[in-house]
Protein backbone atom coordinates (compact mmCIF):
# COMPACT_ATOMS: atom_id res chain seq x y z
CA MET A 1 -102.23 17.12 -78.46
CA ASN A 2 -102.40 19.17 -81.63
CA PRO A 3 -99.23 20.27 -83.51
CA GLU A 4 -99.45 23.84 -82.20
CA GLU A 5 -99.54 22.69 -78.55
CA HIS A 6 -96.69 20.24 -79.22
CA GLU A 7 -94.61 23.04 -80.74
CA GLU A 8 -95.33 25.32 -77.78
CA LEU A 9 -94.27 22.63 -75.27
CA ALA A 10 -91.12 21.93 -77.28
CA ARG A 11 -90.26 25.63 -77.16
CA LEU A 12 -90.78 25.88 -73.40
CA LEU A 13 -88.93 22.70 -72.39
CA PRO A 14 -85.12 22.62 -72.23
CA SER A 15 -83.32 20.79 -75.00
CA PRO A 16 -82.29 17.15 -74.25
CA GLY A 17 -79.14 16.80 -72.24
CA GLU A 18 -79.11 20.25 -70.66
CA PRO A 19 -77.54 19.61 -67.25
CA VAL A 20 -78.41 22.94 -65.60
CA LEU A 21 -81.41 25.12 -64.98
CA THR A 22 -82.29 27.65 -67.65
CA SER A 23 -81.78 31.32 -66.84
CA ASP A 24 -85.57 31.77 -66.73
CA ARG A 25 -85.80 29.03 -64.12
CA HIS A 26 -83.02 30.64 -62.13
CA ASP A 27 -84.93 33.93 -62.24
CA LEU A 28 -88.15 32.24 -61.13
CA LEU A 29 -86.48 30.53 -58.14
CA LYS A 30 -84.61 33.68 -57.19
CA ASP A 31 -87.78 35.79 -57.34
CA HIS A 32 -89.72 33.28 -55.28
CA LEU A 33 -87.09 33.07 -52.56
CA MET A 34 -86.70 36.84 -52.37
CA ARG A 35 -90.47 37.11 -51.94
CA GLU A 36 -90.31 34.53 -49.14
CA LEU A 37 -87.70 36.62 -47.34
CA THR A 38 -89.85 39.72 -47.63
CA GLU A 39 -93.01 37.95 -46.43
CA PHE A 40 -91.14 36.42 -43.47
CA ARG A 41 -89.82 39.83 -42.42
CA GLU A 42 -93.27 41.45 -42.69
CA PHE A 43 -94.84 38.58 -40.72
CA ARG A 44 -92.24 38.87 -37.98
CA ASP A 45 -92.81 42.61 -37.55
CA ILE A 46 -96.63 42.52 -37.22
CA ALA A 47 -97.86 43.91 -33.86
CA GLU A 48 -100.38 42.05 -31.70
CA PRO A 49 -103.97 43.20 -32.44
CA ALA A 50 -105.86 45.08 -29.73
CA ALA A 51 -108.85 42.69 -29.61
CA PRO A 52 -109.54 39.20 -30.93
CA GLU A 53 -113.10 39.56 -32.22
CA PHE A 54 -113.37 43.09 -33.67
CA LEU A 55 -110.23 44.76 -34.96
CA ASP A 56 -109.35 48.00 -36.67
CA VAL A 57 -107.21 46.90 -39.61
CA ALA A 58 -106.26 50.28 -41.01
CA THR A 59 -102.70 49.96 -39.72
CA ALA A 60 -102.59 46.22 -39.06
CA PRO A 61 -102.82 44.40 -42.40
CA ALA A 62 -103.26 40.66 -42.62
CA PRO A 63 -100.01 38.71 -42.12
CA GLY A 64 -97.81 39.02 -45.17
CA ARG A 65 -100.13 41.53 -46.85
CA ARG A 66 -98.58 44.73 -48.15
CA ALA A 67 -100.61 47.75 -47.07
CA ARG A 68 -101.01 48.86 -50.70
CA ALA A 69 -102.80 45.77 -51.90
CA PRO A 70 -106.54 45.62 -51.24
CA ARG A 71 -107.11 42.08 -52.54
CA ARG A 72 -103.94 39.95 -52.34
CA ARG A 73 -104.69 38.84 -48.78
CA PHE A 74 -103.77 35.20 -48.76
CA ALA A 75 -99.98 35.10 -48.56
CA VAL A 76 -97.28 32.48 -48.01
CA ILE A 77 -95.24 33.02 -44.84
CA ALA A 78 -92.64 30.29 -44.48
CA VAL A 79 -88.95 29.40 -45.12
CA PRO A 80 -86.57 29.98 -42.17
CA LEU A 81 -84.62 33.19 -42.75
CA ALA A 82 -81.11 31.73 -42.60
CA THR A 83 -81.99 28.83 -44.89
CA ALA A 84 -83.69 31.09 -47.42
CA ALA A 85 -80.72 33.46 -47.43
CA ALA A 86 -78.34 30.59 -48.13
CA VAL A 87 -80.46 29.26 -50.97
CA VAL A 88 -80.83 32.75 -52.47
CA ALA A 89 -77.05 33.09 -52.45
CA ALA A 90 -76.72 29.74 -54.23
CA VAL A 91 -79.28 30.68 -56.86
CA LEU A 92 -77.62 34.03 -57.46
CA ALA A 93 -74.25 32.35 -57.80
CA GLY A 94 -75.59 29.85 -60.34
CA ALA A 95 -77.57 32.33 -62.45
CA VAL A 96 -76.02 33.17 -65.80
CA GLY A 97 -77.50 36.07 -67.75
CA SER A 98 -81.21 36.61 -68.35
CA ARG A 99 -83.67 36.45 -71.17
CA THR A 100 -85.92 39.25 -72.34
CA ALA A 101 -89.57 38.30 -71.71
CA THR A 102 -91.91 38.65 -74.64
CA THR A 103 -95.68 38.79 -74.79
CA ASP A 104 -97.35 35.76 -76.38
CA ALA A 105 -99.52 36.74 -79.39
CA ASP A 106 -102.24 34.29 -78.29
CA ALA A 107 -102.33 35.94 -74.86
CA VAL A 108 -102.76 39.38 -76.41
CA ASP A 109 -105.64 38.04 -78.54
CA LEU A 110 -107.26 36.50 -75.47
CA LEU A 111 -106.90 39.70 -73.46
CA ASP A 112 -108.49 41.62 -76.31
CA ARG A 113 -111.45 39.21 -76.38
CA ILE A 114 -111.81 39.49 -72.60
CA ALA A 115 -111.71 43.29 -72.89
CA GLU A 116 -114.45 43.25 -75.56
CA VAL A 117 -116.70 41.12 -73.34
CA ALA A 118 -116.03 43.37 -70.34
CA ALA A 119 -116.76 46.56 -72.29
CA ALA A 120 -120.14 45.19 -73.45
CA LYS A 121 -121.47 44.82 -69.89
CA LYS A 122 -123.76 47.38 -68.27
CA THR A 123 -122.37 49.95 -65.87
CA VAL A 124 -123.69 49.46 -62.33
CA PRO A 125 -125.01 52.69 -60.74
CA VAL A 126 -123.36 53.27 -57.38
CA ARG A 127 -124.10 55.96 -54.75
CA ASP A 128 -121.54 57.55 -52.43
CA ASP A 129 -123.34 56.18 -49.36
CA GLN A 130 -123.06 52.58 -50.54
CA TYR A 131 -120.38 49.90 -50.17
CA ILE A 132 -118.54 47.71 -52.66
CA TYR A 133 -118.95 44.09 -51.63
CA VAL A 134 -116.28 41.53 -52.60
CA ARG A 135 -116.22 37.88 -51.52
CA THR A 136 -113.14 35.70 -52.01
CA GLN A 137 -111.59 32.42 -50.88
CA GLY A 138 -107.93 31.59 -50.40
CA SER A 139 -105.41 30.37 -47.85
CA MET A 140 -102.87 31.82 -45.46
CA LYS A 141 -99.73 29.89 -44.51
CA PHE A 142 -98.34 30.73 -41.06
CA SER A 143 -95.92 27.80 -41.02
CA ASP A 144 -95.39 24.44 -42.71
CA ASN A 145 -97.87 22.89 -40.27
CA ASP A 146 -100.32 25.79 -40.08
CA ILE A 147 -102.16 26.59 -43.31
CA ARG A 148 -105.56 28.21 -42.84
CA ILE A 149 -108.26 28.29 -45.53
CA LEU A 150 -110.25 31.52 -45.44
CA ARG A 151 -113.44 32.80 -47.02
CA GLU A 152 -113.53 36.56 -46.81
CA ALA A 153 -116.17 39.19 -47.47
CA SER A 154 -115.32 42.88 -47.49
CA TRP A 155 -117.42 46.03 -47.60
CA THR A 156 -115.53 49.20 -48.58
CA ALA A 157 -117.12 52.65 -48.68
CA VAL A 158 -117.64 53.91 -52.24
CA ASP A 159 -116.33 57.39 -51.40
CA GLY A 160 -113.68 56.09 -49.00
CA LYS A 161 -114.85 58.43 -46.23
CA ARG A 162 -116.42 55.83 -43.93
CA SER A 163 -115.17 52.72 -42.21
CA GLY A 164 -115.84 49.42 -43.92
CA LEU A 165 -115.98 45.85 -42.74
CA ARG A 166 -114.00 42.66 -43.35
CA ARG A 167 -115.68 39.38 -42.37
CA VAL A 168 -113.29 36.45 -42.30
CA THR A 169 -114.58 32.89 -42.01
CA VAL A 170 -111.78 30.44 -41.27
CA LEU A 171 -112.87 27.15 -42.83
CA VAL A 172 -109.72 25.25 -41.85
CA GLY A 173 -107.59 26.43 -38.95
CA PRO A 174 -106.90 26.11 -35.21
CA PRO A 175 -109.63 26.72 -32.59
CA PHE A 176 -109.81 30.13 -30.89
CA ARG A 177 -107.13 30.66 -28.26
CA PRO A 178 -107.25 33.65 -25.87
CA ARG A 179 -104.29 36.05 -26.22
CA ASP A 180 -103.36 34.57 -29.57
CA PRO A 181 -102.18 37.56 -31.67
CA PHE A 182 -103.72 35.90 -34.74
CA SER A 183 -106.98 34.82 -33.11
CA SER A 184 -108.86 36.56 -35.92
CA TYR A 185 -107.60 33.73 -38.12
CA SER A 186 -108.80 30.92 -35.82
CA LYS A 187 -111.67 28.68 -36.89
CA GLY A 188 -115.00 30.50 -37.06
CA THR A 189 -116.21 33.87 -38.33
CA HIS A 190 -114.59 37.13 -37.22
CA ASP A 191 -115.42 40.75 -38.06
CA MET A 192 -112.74 43.42 -38.47
CA ARG A 193 -113.30 47.13 -39.02
CA LEU A 194 -111.78 48.55 -42.22
CA SER A 195 -110.67 52.12 -41.63
CA ARG A 196 -109.75 54.35 -44.56
CA ASP A 197 -106.40 53.31 -46.03
CA PRO A 198 -104.81 56.00 -48.24
CA ASN A 199 -102.87 53.27 -50.08
CA VAL A 200 -106.05 51.56 -51.27
CA THR A 201 -107.81 52.92 -54.36
CA THR A 202 -111.45 53.82 -53.64
CA PHE A 203 -114.25 53.08 -56.08
CA ARG A 204 -114.59 56.77 -56.92
CA GLU A 205 -110.85 56.95 -57.60
CA LEU A 206 -111.20 53.96 -59.92
CA GLN A 207 -113.95 55.79 -61.81
CA ALA A 208 -111.59 58.75 -62.34
CA LEU A 209 -108.86 56.64 -63.99
CA PRO A 210 -108.31 57.04 -67.75
CA THR A 211 -109.81 54.33 -69.97
CA ASP A 212 -107.21 54.72 -72.72
CA PRO A 213 -104.92 51.68 -72.16
CA ASP A 214 -101.67 53.59 -72.78
CA ALA A 215 -102.61 56.47 -70.48
CA LEU A 216 -103.90 54.03 -67.86
CA LEU A 217 -100.70 51.97 -67.89
CA GLU A 218 -98.54 55.08 -67.55
CA LYS A 219 -100.64 56.20 -64.57
CA ILE A 220 -100.29 52.78 -62.97
CA TYR A 221 -96.52 52.83 -63.55
CA ALA A 222 -96.35 56.27 -61.93
CA GLY A 223 -98.47 55.19 -58.97
CA THR A 224 -96.39 52.07 -58.28
CA LYS A 225 -92.96 53.63 -58.81
CA GLY A 226 -90.37 52.04 -56.53
CA GLU A 227 -92.61 49.07 -55.68
CA GLY A 228 -91.98 45.46 -56.66
CA ARG A 229 -88.90 43.86 -58.17
CA THR A 230 -89.63 45.52 -61.52
CA ARG A 231 -92.07 48.20 -62.58
CA GLN A 232 -93.86 45.60 -64.72
CA SER A 233 -94.45 43.22 -61.80
CA ALA A 234 -95.65 46.10 -59.60
CA ALA A 235 -98.05 47.24 -62.33
CA LEU A 236 -99.45 43.72 -62.75
CA GLU A 237 -100.04 43.41 -59.01
CA LYS A 238 -101.86 46.75 -59.03
CA ILE A 239 -104.01 45.75 -62.01
CA GLY A 240 -104.85 42.45 -60.30
CA ASP A 241 -105.84 44.36 -57.17
CA MET A 242 -108.26 46.54 -59.15
CA LEU A 243 -109.94 43.82 -61.22
CA PRO A 244 -112.67 42.77 -58.72
CA ASP A 245 -114.05 46.31 -58.22
CA ALA A 246 -113.51 47.11 -61.90
CA THR A 247 -116.04 44.44 -62.90
CA LEU A 248 -118.62 47.10 -61.98
CA LEU A 249 -116.97 49.61 -64.38
CA PRO A 250 -117.02 48.06 -67.89
CA GLU A 251 -114.88 50.68 -69.67
CA LEU A 252 -112.19 50.63 -67.01
CA ASP A 253 -112.35 46.84 -66.78
CA ALA A 254 -111.67 46.58 -70.52
CA ALA A 255 -108.88 49.15 -70.31
CA LEU A 256 -107.15 47.21 -67.50
CA TYR A 257 -107.02 44.06 -69.64
CA ARG A 258 -105.71 45.99 -72.64
CA ALA A 259 -103.11 47.66 -70.42
CA ALA A 260 -102.04 44.23 -69.12
CA ALA A 261 -101.58 43.09 -72.73
CA LYS A 262 -98.86 45.71 -73.12
CA ILE A 263 -96.77 44.26 -70.27
CA PRO A 264 -94.21 41.65 -71.41
CA GLY A 265 -94.15 38.10 -70.10
CA VAL A 266 -97.78 36.97 -70.50
CA SER A 267 -98.81 33.59 -71.91
CA VAL A 268 -101.95 31.45 -72.16
CA VAL A 269 -102.67 28.51 -69.85
CA THR A 270 -105.23 26.38 -71.68
CA ASP A 271 -106.48 24.49 -68.61
CA ALA A 272 -106.24 26.64 -65.49
CA LYS A 273 -108.04 26.38 -62.15
CA ASP A 274 -108.81 29.05 -59.57
CA TYR A 275 -108.23 28.45 -55.87
CA THR A 276 -111.58 26.66 -55.41
CA GLY A 277 -110.90 24.35 -58.37
CA ARG A 278 -113.15 26.02 -60.95
CA SER A 279 -111.77 25.26 -64.40
CA GLY A 280 -111.13 27.94 -66.95
CA ILE A 281 -108.62 29.45 -69.31
CA GLY A 282 -105.67 31.21 -67.72
CA LEU A 283 -103.27 34.04 -68.36
CA SER A 284 -99.86 33.60 -66.79
CA PHE A 285 -97.85 36.69 -65.88
CA LYS A 286 -94.30 36.85 -64.62
CA GLU A 287 -94.19 38.54 -61.23
CA ARG A 288 -91.52 38.96 -58.59
CA ASP A 289 -92.59 35.72 -56.86
CA GLY A 290 -92.67 33.62 -60.02
CA ARG A 291 -95.82 33.33 -62.13
CA SER A 292 -99.25 34.73 -61.35
CA VAL A 293 -102.20 33.09 -63.14
CA TRP A 294 -105.49 34.92 -63.73
CA VAL A 295 -108.35 32.51 -64.47
CA PHE A 296 -111.39 33.19 -66.67
CA ASP A 297 -114.51 31.16 -67.44
CA LYS A 298 -113.98 29.52 -70.84
CA LYS A 299 -117.47 30.37 -72.10
CA SER A 300 -118.35 33.74 -70.57
CA LEU A 301 -114.73 34.94 -70.10
CA ASP A 302 -115.78 36.27 -66.69
CA PHE A 303 -112.89 36.78 -64.25
CA LEU A 304 -112.82 33.93 -61.69
CA GLY A 305 -109.83 35.14 -59.70
CA SER A 306 -106.48 33.40 -59.60
CA ALA A 307 -104.82 30.15 -58.64
CA ASP A 308 -104.11 31.74 -55.24
CA GLU A 309 -107.43 33.48 -54.55
CA ALA A 310 -110.87 32.78 -56.04
CA LEU A 311 -113.26 35.67 -56.67
CA LEU A 312 -116.72 34.46 -55.60
CA ASP A 313 -118.88 37.57 -55.79
CA VAL A 314 -118.82 41.33 -56.41
CA GLY A 315 -121.71 43.71 -55.86
CA VAL A 316 -123.04 46.87 -54.24
CA ALA A 317 -124.55 46.90 -50.74
CA ASP A 318 -126.46 49.64 -48.93
CA ARG A 319 -124.85 48.83 -45.56
CA ALA A 320 -121.67 47.15 -44.36
CA GLY A 321 -122.47 43.57 -43.40
CA GLU A 322 -125.40 43.24 -45.82
CA THR A 323 -125.30 41.01 -48.89
CA PRO A 324 -126.12 42.82 -52.17
CA ALA A 325 -129.70 42.34 -53.32
CA ALA A 326 -128.61 41.23 -56.79
């Protein structure tokens, strides 16, 4: 370990003999538990789908998934409500003050380098009649004893005027059971229709966003007003949602990273892994459920996804259900 890393660890760790959690740790635990309560409530209120094999998911998002978010599909749904409420109360009672989060200078430098690499890529021509193809892998936790690993491909209409498709392959999960309200998340491959969701940003709407980082961040703040625990955490979630599609729009992609650099609470993770275990360099952001880590290839600085959801492929397809030619 070099002196700089040793100094950074010394700064992050509590001083010897501290008998209580730091205020940052209190905040992290409190945020995580509040998120658990929210996810449990959303999971409890989900209606039974109309059909097990082919669903219309415009108004029935995946368990735990907020309707606004197009990518953050693999959520944690656990913690009994009464227990979580009691623990939240204990954490709140023990919390003393809070610290102002600052942005790490190394993280800003890294985001700037990532932005430069992104901006140098070629813009991909996309027609209105085509679909944006995104393939990911993550997990969904229904209970302590029911965690399902999913590989998901989605096709969304470029202009947002046509239905898309979500193809979910459950790699680890229970066998199909008739009348199971979550049979679309049983082992095997299942197709679900993606109807137009006004809360999801279309590719054409992404193209219309400003590429000046300050103007872009203000627009994101305005569009996520009232969401999340703080406006910063809501903005980071929105930026994370847009990153996969934005890889096809170099100027916007670069602007998103530069906008993220202006949000406090980011730091570098020197040895990070995405959900599938691919190693890279990470950027850790404080969000309402603790820390979110974006992972990038150490050599190319390509976006690999996050510790919770790996980004496997992005492209343009002529038809829903078809894999992009290149």
